[in-house]
């Protein structure tokens, strides 16, 4: 029993576990708001779909630019924790701002501030996770982190549903209460996370410019994954697809919870499998699942089918989104890992801006099915490109 516990724990350092708890608390907060925010925008504030796409696009573009900058800077100063701490703090204080919104413009400001926080913290945090455990456990570490993060993402909507439906709390009240788990995560991070030097890694030699350039293998991977990102619009659109199909607010939230539960349960096993079967095959499977699910969203109209699609969508996220960070860690070295994480997340996030803005236009001016068909095509093409990548070792 003891040996089995030690095997399960192997690779999960204190930093990995604490950062996972912090992400879980933060996602309780964020996901209390995420599934109800488009409903608040369209149903209460009367914002059109083009504005929803604009807000999500600007928010993700902001995060993307800052992910690239903060990751690079965390390499330069050899410090990850300050970026992580400030990022989570900014996201926390953005939540109560939503309670003041009487037009969509303040929602945009809140989402902008929240994404500034995400942009500042994400690349440095992911580099810190990689720095805090050995390379042969990166899939497991990122999988565990994602499982905890996504467990929070399942709890958050359920808590919002309880507050809205059982306690009859207003949207504004939910926005204020979402601050509590967010600030709790900041306090836990400040108290228990420490800087880490990668286990067994020697000091590297920087180039003349003072940085270690990103590898050709990383750039090829970024190109292959970028094809997928062009079609991967915000999840707001699948939530609104459900609403258009006749889901009540409660049903929308429950469908989203189902997605997050599957994601949370599958994330750690998917990461573990990627350590053993290889990142490319694991990720390509996830992208193929994404392609099938989005084709389903384009064609399905029954509520039962949509509930099933939400659940299977969690499988894609565990096998593709989750494993991508381990792949980036594989294709970088400690001295440029923050920059690599930032370049990956910044580039894919900017493409998500394009994808979300395009999805809003296609939904409004062509048909609601069109964004999903485009995403499906991008997913299957990207899966083929990922499988064609040469081995990185």
Protein backbone atom coordinates (compact mmCIF):
# COMPACT_ATOMS: atom_id res chain seq x y z
CA UNK A 1 0.00 0.00 0.00
CA UNK A 2 2.81 2.39 0.94
CA UNK A 3 4.76 1.62 -2.24
CA UNK A 4 1.66 2.15 -4.35
CA UNK A 5 1.05 5.51 -2.70
CA UNK A 6 4.64 6.54 -3.33
CA UNK A 7 4.28 5.55 -6.99
CA UNK A 8 1.11 7.63 -7.36
CA UNK A 9 2.73 10.58 -5.61
CA UNK A 10 5.94 10.42 -7.64
CA UNK A 11 6.38 13.56 -9.71
CA UNK A 12 3.78 15.52 -7.70
CA UNK A 13 5.96 17.91 -5.71
CA UNK A 14 4.60 20.38 -3.18
CA UNK A 15 4.64 23.18 -5.75
CA UNK A 16 2.68 21.06 -8.23
CA UNK A 17 0.06 20.15 -5.62
CA UNK A 18 -0.30 23.68 -4.20
CA UNK A 19 -0.47 25.30 -7.64
CA UNK A 20 -3.14 22.74 -8.52
CA UNK A 21 -5.17 23.71 -5.45
CA UNK A 22 -4.77 27.40 -6.30
CA UNK A 23 -5.96 26.79 -9.86
CA UNK A 24 -8.90 24.80 -8.53
CA UNK A 25 -9.99 27.64 -6.23
CA UNK A 26 -9.56 30.19 -9.00
CA UNK A 27 -11.62 28.10 -11.38
CA UNK A 28 -14.40 27.77 -8.82
CA UNK A 29 -14.52 31.56 -8.97
CA UNK A 30 -14.13 31.96 -12.74
CA UNK A 31 -16.54 29.18 -13.65
CA UNK A 32 -19.22 30.51 -11.33
CA UNK A 33 -19.35 33.31 -13.89
CA UNK A 34 -18.36 31.81 -17.25
CA UNK A 35 -21.56 29.91 -18.14
CA UNK A 36 -23.87 32.68 -16.90
CA UNK A 37 -21.96 35.63 -18.33
CA UNK A 38 -23.17 35.18 -21.94
CA UNK A 39 -26.71 34.78 -20.59
CA UNK A 40 -26.28 37.98 -18.55
CA UNK A 41 -24.88 39.80 -21.58
CA UNK A 42 -27.59 38.74 -24.03
CA UNK A 43 -30.57 38.33 -21.70
CA UNK A 44 -30.10 41.16 -19.18
CA UNK A 45 -27.93 43.73 -20.93
CA UNK A 46 -29.30 43.03 -24.42
CA UNK A 47 -25.90 42.69 -26.10
CA UNK A 48 -25.92 41.15 -29.61
CA UNK A 49 -23.88 38.08 -30.54
CA UNK A 50 -21.29 40.21 -32.33
CA UNK A 51 -20.58 41.99 -29.02
CA UNK A 52 -20.27 38.64 -27.22
CA UNK A 53 -17.70 37.57 -29.79
CA UNK A 54 -15.92 40.94 -29.54
CA UNK A 55 -15.66 40.77 -25.73
CA UNK A 56 -14.34 37.22 -25.78
CA UNK A 57 -11.94 38.02 -28.60
CA UNK A 58 -10.49 41.12 -26.91
CA UNK A 59 -10.25 39.31 -23.58
CA UNK A 60 -8.36 36.36 -25.06
CA UNK A 61 -6.12 38.56 -27.21
CA UNK A 62 -5.11 40.53 -24.11
CA UNK A 63 -4.24 37.36 -22.24
CA UNK A 64 -2.33 36.03 -25.23
CA UNK A 65 -0.06 39.04 -25.63
CA UNK A 66 0.75 39.11 -21.92
CA UNK A 67 1.37 35.34 -21.76
CA UNK A 68 4.13 35.75 -24.31
CA UNK A 69 5.65 38.78 -22.59
CA UNK A 70 5.45 37.49 -19.02
CA UNK A 71 6.85 34.06 -19.89
CA UNK A 72 9.86 35.63 -21.59
CA UNK A 73 10.38 38.05 -18.71
CA UNK A 74 10.17 35.30 -16.08
CA UNK A 75 13.09 33.62 -17.89
CA UNK A 76 15.07 36.86 -17.89
CA UNK A 77 14.67 37.49 -14.16
CA UNK A 78 14.77 33.76 -13.23
CA UNK A 79 11.61 34.13 -11.13
CA UNK A 80 8.19 32.56 -11.68
CA UNK A 81 6.30 33.17 -8.42
CA UNK A 82 5.86 36.99 -8.62
CA UNK A 83 4.20 36.73 -12.04
CA UNK A 84 1.98 33.92 -10.80
CA UNK A 85 0.97 35.80 -7.64
CA UNK A 86 0.20 39.11 -9.33
CA UNK A 87 -1.70 37.36 -12.10
CA UNK A 88 -4.02 35.51 -9.77
CA UNK A 89 -4.49 38.69 -7.73
CA UNK A 90 -5.59 40.78 -10.73
CA UNK A 91 -8.06 38.11 -11.80
CA UNK A 92 -9.52 38.02 -8.29
CA UNK A 93 -10.26 41.75 -8.12
CA UNK A 94 -11.94 41.72 -11.55
CA UNK A 95 -14.88 39.62 -10.30
CA UNK A 96 -16.77 42.18 -8.17
CA UNK A 97 -16.58 44.75 -11.01
CA UNK A 98 -19.21 42.78 -12.92
CA UNK A 99 -21.77 43.61 -10.23
CA UNK A 100 -21.62 47.26 -11.33
CA UNK A 101 -22.33 46.56 -15.00
CA UNK A 102 -25.40 48.18 -16.52
CA UNK A 103 -24.04 48.01 -20.09
CA UNK A 104 -21.72 45.58 -21.82
CA UNK A 105 -18.82 48.05 -21.68
CA UNK A 106 -18.09 47.37 -17.99
CA UNK A 107 -18.31 43.63 -18.67
CA UNK A 108 -15.60 44.17 -21.27
CA UNK A 109 -13.48 46.04 -18.71
CA UNK A 110 -13.87 43.25 -16.15
CA UNK A 111 -13.05 40.54 -18.67
CA UNK A 112 -10.06 42.60 -19.82
CA UNK A 113 -8.70 42.87 -16.25
CA UNK A 114 -9.33 39.18 -15.62
CA UNK A 115 -7.45 38.23 -18.77
CA UNK A 116 -4.58 40.60 -17.90
CA UNK A 117 -4.23 38.52 -14.74
CA UNK A 118 -4.38 35.28 -16.68
CA UNK A 119 -1.82 36.55 -19.16
CA UNK A 120 0.60 37.63 -16.45
CA UNK A 121 0.45 34.34 -14.54
CA UNK A 122 -0.07 31.47 -16.96
CA UNK A 123 3.25 31.00 -18.73
CA UNK A 124 5.28 31.56 -15.56
CA UNK A 125 3.05 29.17 -13.60
CA UNK A 126 3.32 26.43 -16.21
CA UNK A 127 7.10 26.88 -16.36
CA UNK A 128 7.16 26.64 -12.55
CA UNK A 129 5.23 23.36 -12.69
CA UNK A 130 7.75 21.96 -15.17
CA UNK A 131 10.63 23.29 -13.06
CA UNK A 132 9.19 21.58 -9.98
CA UNK A 133 9.29 17.97 -11.24
CA UNK A 134 11.30 15.66 -13.50
CA UNK A 135 10.72 15.53 -17.25
CA UNK A 136 9.48 11.93 -17.20
CA UNK A 137 6.55 13.07 -15.04
CA UNK A 138 5.53 16.20 -16.95
CA UNK A 139 2.43 14.62 -18.43
CA UNK A 140 1.39 13.41 -15.00
CA UNK A 141 2.11 16.78 -13.33
CA UNK A 142 0.23 18.83 -15.90
CA UNK A 143 -2.56 16.24 -15.89
CA UNK A 144 -2.92 16.47 -12.11
CA UNK A 145 -2.89 20.26 -12.27
CA UNK A 146 -5.55 20.23 -14.96
CA UNK A 147 -7.66 17.72 -13.03
CA UNK A 148 -7.72 19.98 -9.97
CA UNK A 149 -8.27 23.06 -12.09
CA UNK A 150 -11.18 21.44 -13.88
CA UNK A 151 -12.69 20.05 -10.69
CA UNK A 152 -12.99 23.69 -9.67
CA UNK A 153 -14.54 24.38 -13.04
CA UNK A 154 -17.21 21.77 -12.28
CA UNK A 155 -17.89 23.04 -8.76
CA UNK A 156 -18.15 26.69 -9.85
CA UNK A 157 -21.19 26.36 -12.14
CA UNK A 158 -22.96 24.11 -9.61
CA UNK A 159 -22.40 26.74 -6.94
CA UNK A 160 -23.72 29.43 -9.29
CA UNK A 161 -26.76 27.26 -10.06
CA UNK A 162 -27.43 26.76 -6.34
CA UNK A 163 -27.16 30.50 -5.69
CA UNK A 164 -29.36 31.47 -8.65
CA UNK A 165 -32.04 28.79 -8.46
CA UNK A 166 -32.17 27.73 -4.80
CA UNK A 167 -31.15 30.89 -2.97
CA UNK A 168 -32.51 33.31 -5.61
CA UNK A 169 -29.33 35.36 -5.56
CA UNK A 170 -29.11 37.92 -8.36
CA UNK A 171 -26.46 37.81 -11.08
CA UNK A 172 -24.78 40.72 -9.30
CA UNK A 173 -24.72 38.79 -6.03
CA UNK A 174 -23.06 35.82 -7.73
CA UNK A 175 -20.45 38.14 -9.20
CA UNK A 176 -19.56 39.44 -5.73
CA UNK A 177 -19.49 36.00 -4.07
CA UNK A 178 -17.14 34.72 -6.80
CA UNK A 179 -14.44 36.92 -5.25
CA UNK A 180 -14.18 34.67 -2.16
CA UNK A 181 -12.55 31.52 -3.65
CA UNK A 182 -10.42 33.70 -5.94
CA UNK A 183 -8.79 35.62 -3.09
CA UNK A 184 -8.44 32.38 -1.08
CA UNK A 185 -6.33 30.97 -3.91
CA UNK A 186 -4.10 34.04 -3.90
CA UNK A 187 -3.46 33.66 -0.16
CA UNK A 188 -2.63 29.94 -0.48
CA UNK A 189 -0.20 30.68 -3.30
CA UNK A 190 1.54 33.45 -1.37
CA UNK A 191 1.99 31.22 1.67
CA UNK A 192 3.05 27.86 0.23
CA UNK A 193 4.56 28.12 -3.28
CA UNK A 194 8.33 28.52 -3.64
CA UNK A 195 10.64 29.17 -6.58
CA UNK A 196 12.13 25.96 -7.99
CA UNK A 197 15.20 24.95 -9.96
CA UNK A 198 14.48 22.10 -12.40
CA UNK A 199 15.51 18.75 -10.87
CA UNK A 200 18.94 17.71 -12.14
CA UNK A 201 19.18 20.50 -14.68
CA UNK A 202 22.59 22.07 -15.20
CA UNK A 203 23.09 25.79 -15.66
CA UNK A 204 22.75 26.49 -19.33
CA UNK A 205 24.74 28.89 -21.48
CA UNK A 206 22.77 31.76 -22.92
CA UNK A 207 23.21 33.02 -26.41
CA UNK A 208 24.90 36.35 -27.15
CA UNK A 209 21.56 38.09 -26.91
CA UNK A 210 21.12 36.67 -23.41
CA UNK A 211 18.37 34.21 -24.30
CA UNK A 212 18.20 30.63 -25.49
CA UNK A 213 16.38 30.49 -28.85
CA UNK A 214 13.29 28.33 -29.26
CA UNK A 215 13.94 25.02 -30.99
CA UNK A 216 12.87 24.15 -34.56
CA UNK A 217 10.85 21.27 -33.12
CA UNK A 218 8.87 23.69 -30.96
CA UNK A 219 8.15 25.93 -33.95
CA UNK A 220 6.90 22.98 -36.02
CA UNK A 221 4.63 21.93 -33.18
CA UNK A 222 3.33 25.48 -32.80
CA UNK A 223 2.45 25.60 -36.49
CA UNK A 224 0.62 22.25 -36.33
CA UNK A 225 -1.35 23.21 -33.22
CA UNK A 226 -2.01 26.69 -34.58
CA UNK A 227 -4.11 25.21 -37.39
CA UNK A 228 -6.43 23.83 -34.70
CA UNK A 229 -6.47 27.15 -32.80
CA UNK A 230 -7.79 29.01 -35.86
CA UNK A 231 -11.08 27.14 -35.48
CA UNK A 232 -11.16 26.82 -31.70
CA UNK A 233 -13.51 29.65 -30.75
CA UNK A 234 -14.63 30.45 -27.22
CA UNK A 235 -16.79 27.90 -25.39
CA UNK A 236 -19.36 30.69 -25.14
CA UNK A 237 -20.60 29.52 -28.55
CA UNK A 238 -21.37 25.97 -27.45
CA UNK A 239 -23.22 27.37 -24.43
CA UNK A 240 -25.31 29.57 -26.71
CA UNK A 241 -25.88 26.62 -29.05
CA UNK A 242 -27.42 24.80 -26.11
CA UNK A 243 -29.53 27.83 -25.22
CA UNK A 244 -30.78 28.08 -28.81
CA UNK A 245 -31.72 24.39 -28.69
CA UNK A 246 -34.12 25.14 -25.84
CA UNK A 247 -31.94 24.50 -22.78
CA UNK A 248 -32.97 26.40 -19.67
CA UNK A 249 -30.30 28.32 -17.78
CA UNK A 250 -30.14 25.37 -15.37
CA UNK A 251 -29.68 22.88 -18.21
CA UNK A 252 -26.94 25.01 -19.81
CA UNK A 253 -25.04 25.06 -16.53
CA UNK A 254 -25.51 21.32 -15.96
CA UNK A 255 -24.27 20.51 -19.47
CA UNK A 256 -21.20 22.63 -18.83
CA UNK A 257 -20.66 20.90 -15.49
CA UNK A 258 -20.84 17.54 -17.26
CA UNK A 259 -18.10 18.64 -19.64
CA UNK A 260 -15.89 19.75 -16.77
CA UNK A 261 -16.46 16.56 -14.77
CA UNK A 262 -15.36 14.40 -17.70
CA UNK A 263 -12.40 16.70 -18.26
CA UNK A 264 -11.38 16.51 -14.59
CA UNK A 265 -11.66 12.71 -14.49
CA UNK A 266 -9.78 12.18 -17.76
CA UNK A 267 -7.02 14.80 -17.37
CA UNK A 268 -4.66 12.89 -15.08
CA UNK A 269 -4.95 9.56 -16.97
CA UNK A 270 -4.43 11.39 -20.28
CA UNK A 271 -1.28 13.03 -18.95
CA UNK A 272 -0.01 9.70 -17.61
CA UNK A 273 -0.68 8.04 -20.96
CA UNK A 274 1.22 10.77 -22.78
CA UNK A 275 4.27 10.02 -20.60
CA UNK A 276 4.15 6.42 -21.82
CA UNK A 277 2.59 6.42 -25.29
CA UNK A 278 4.01 9.70 -26.55
CA UNK A 279 2.62 13.21 -26.69
CA UNK A 280 1.85 13.33 -30.41
CA UNK A 281 -0.38 10.24 -30.52
CA UNK A 282 -2.18 11.24 -27.34
CA UNK A 283 -2.79 14.76 -28.58
CA UNK A 284 -3.86 13.70 -32.08
CA UNK A 285 -6.50 11.47 -30.51
CA UNK A 286 -7.82 14.45 -28.55
CA UNK A 287 -7.93 16.64 -31.66
CA UNK A 288 -9.81 13.94 -33.56
CA UNK A 289 -12.37 13.82 -30.75
CA UNK A 290 -12.68 17.62 -30.94
CA UNK A 291 -13.35 17.42 -34.67
CA UNK A 292 -16.09 14.83 -34.20
CA UNK A 293 -17.70 16.75 -31.33
CA UNK A 294 -17.80 20.07 -33.19
CA UNK A 295 -19.29 18.39 -36.24
CA UNK A 296 -21.89 17.04 -33.83
CA UNK A 297 -22.59 20.54 -32.50
CA UNK A 298 -23.11 21.72 -36.07
CA UNK A 299 -25.65 18.98 -36.84
CA UNK A 300 -27.36 18.13 -33.54
CA UNK A 301 -30.63 19.68 -32.46
CA UNK A 302 -31.94 17.37 -29.74
CA UNK A 303 -31.13 18.15 -26.14
CA UNK A 304 -30.08 14.56 -25.40
CA UNK A 305 -27.50 14.65 -28.21
CA UNK A 306 -26.15 17.98 -27.02
CA UNK A 307 -25.76 16.74 -23.44
CA UNK A 308 -23.74 13.80 -24.79
CA UNK A 309 -21.60 16.10 -26.92
CA UNK A 310 -20.77 18.26 -23.90
CA UNK A 311 -19.58 15.16 -22.04
CA UNK A 312 -17.41 13.89 -24.92
CA UNK A 313 -16.01 17.39 -25.31
CA UNK A 314 -14.31 16.82 -21.95
CA UNK A 315 -12.38 13.89 -23.47
CA UNK A 316 -10.95 16.17 -26.17
CA UNK A 317 -9.83 18.74 -23.58
CA UNK A 318 -8.06 16.13 -21.44
CA UNK A 319 -6.20 14.57 -24.36
CA UNK A 320 -5.32 17.70 -26.34
CA UNK A 321 -5.29 20.89 -24.26
CA UNK A 322 -3.83 19.13 -21.27
CA UNK A 323 -1.03 17.30 -23.10
CA UNK A 324 0.01 20.35 -25.16
CA UNK A 325 1.77 21.94 -22.17
CA UNK A 326 3.79 18.80 -21.55
CA UNK A 327 4.76 18.84 -25.23
CA UNK A 328 5.96 22.45 -24.91
CA UNK A 329 8.00 21.47 -21.84
CA UNK A 330 9.56 18.63 -23.86
CA UNK A 331 10.54 21.02 -26.65
CA UNK A 332 12.16 23.65 -24.43
CA UNK A 333 14.94 23.94 -21.85
CA UNK A 334 14.74 25.52 -18.37
CA UNK A 335 16.25 28.82 -19.54
CA UNK A 336 13.63 29.39 -22.27
CA UNK A 337 10.71 27.41 -20.87
CA UNK A 338 8.78 30.50 -19.80
CA UNK A 339 9.29 32.00 -23.24
CA UNK A 340 8.20 28.75 -24.89
CA UNK A 341 5.07 28.54 -22.74
CA UNK A 342 4.38 32.19 -23.51
CA UNK A 343 4.95 31.81 -27.24
CA UNK A 344 2.68 28.77 -27.37
CA UNK A 345 -0.12 30.22 -25.28
CA UNK A 346 0.26 33.70 -26.72
CA UNK A 347 0.09 32.51 -30.31
CA UNK A 348 -2.81 30.13 -29.77
CA UNK A 349 -4.62 32.77 -27.73
CA UNK A 350 -4.28 35.37 -30.47
CA UNK A 351 -5.62 32.80 -32.90
CA UNK A 352 -8.48 32.24 -30.44
CA UNK A 353 -9.24 35.96 -30.78
CA UNK A 354 -9.51 35.47 -34.53
CA UNK A 355 -11.55 32.29 -34.04
CA UNK A 356 -14.01 33.92 -31.60
CA UNK A 357 -14.49 37.06 -33.67
CA UNK A 358 -14.92 34.97 -36.82
CA UNK A 359 -17.35 32.63 -35.08
CA UNK A 360 -19.51 35.57 -34.02
CA UNK A 361 -19.62 36.87 -37.58
CA UNK A 362 -20.31 33.45 -39.11
CA UNK A 363 -23.06 32.73 -36.55
CA UNK A 364 -24.74 36.08 -37.26
CA UNK A 365 -24.28 36.40 -41.02
CA UNK A 366 -24.08 32.82 -42.33
CA UNK A 367 -25.61 30.29 -39.92
CA UNK A 368 -25.14 29.09 -36.32
CA UNK A 369 -23.75 25.78 -37.67
CA UNK A 370 -20.94 27.35 -39.71
CA UNK A 371 -18.46 28.11 -36.87
CA UNK A 372 -18.69 24.49 -35.71
CA UNK A 373 -18.06 23.09 -39.20
CA UNK A 374 -14.98 25.31 -39.57
CA UNK A 375 -13.69 24.17 -36.16
CA UNK A 376 -14.20 20.51 -37.05
CA UNK A 377 -12.18 20.87 -40.23
CA UNK A 378 -9.35 22.65 -38.41
CA UNK A 379 -9.29 19.94 -35.74
CA UNK A 380 -8.89 17.02 -38.11
CA UNK A 381 -6.23 18.81 -40.17
CA UNK A 382 -4.25 19.67 -37.05
CA UNK A 383 -4.43 16.07 -35.82
CA UNK A 384 -2.77 14.91 -39.04
CA UNK A 385 -0.05 17.57 -38.77
CA UNK A 386 0.70 16.67 -35.15
CA UNK A 387 1.07 12.98 -36.05
CA UNK A 388 3.46 13.93 -38.87
CA UNK A 389 5.83 15.78 -36.52
CA UNK A 390 9.29 14.17 -36.23
CA UNK A 391 10.19 12.73 -32.81
CA UNK A 392 11.55 15.43 -30.53
CA UNK A 393 14.19 13.21 -28.90
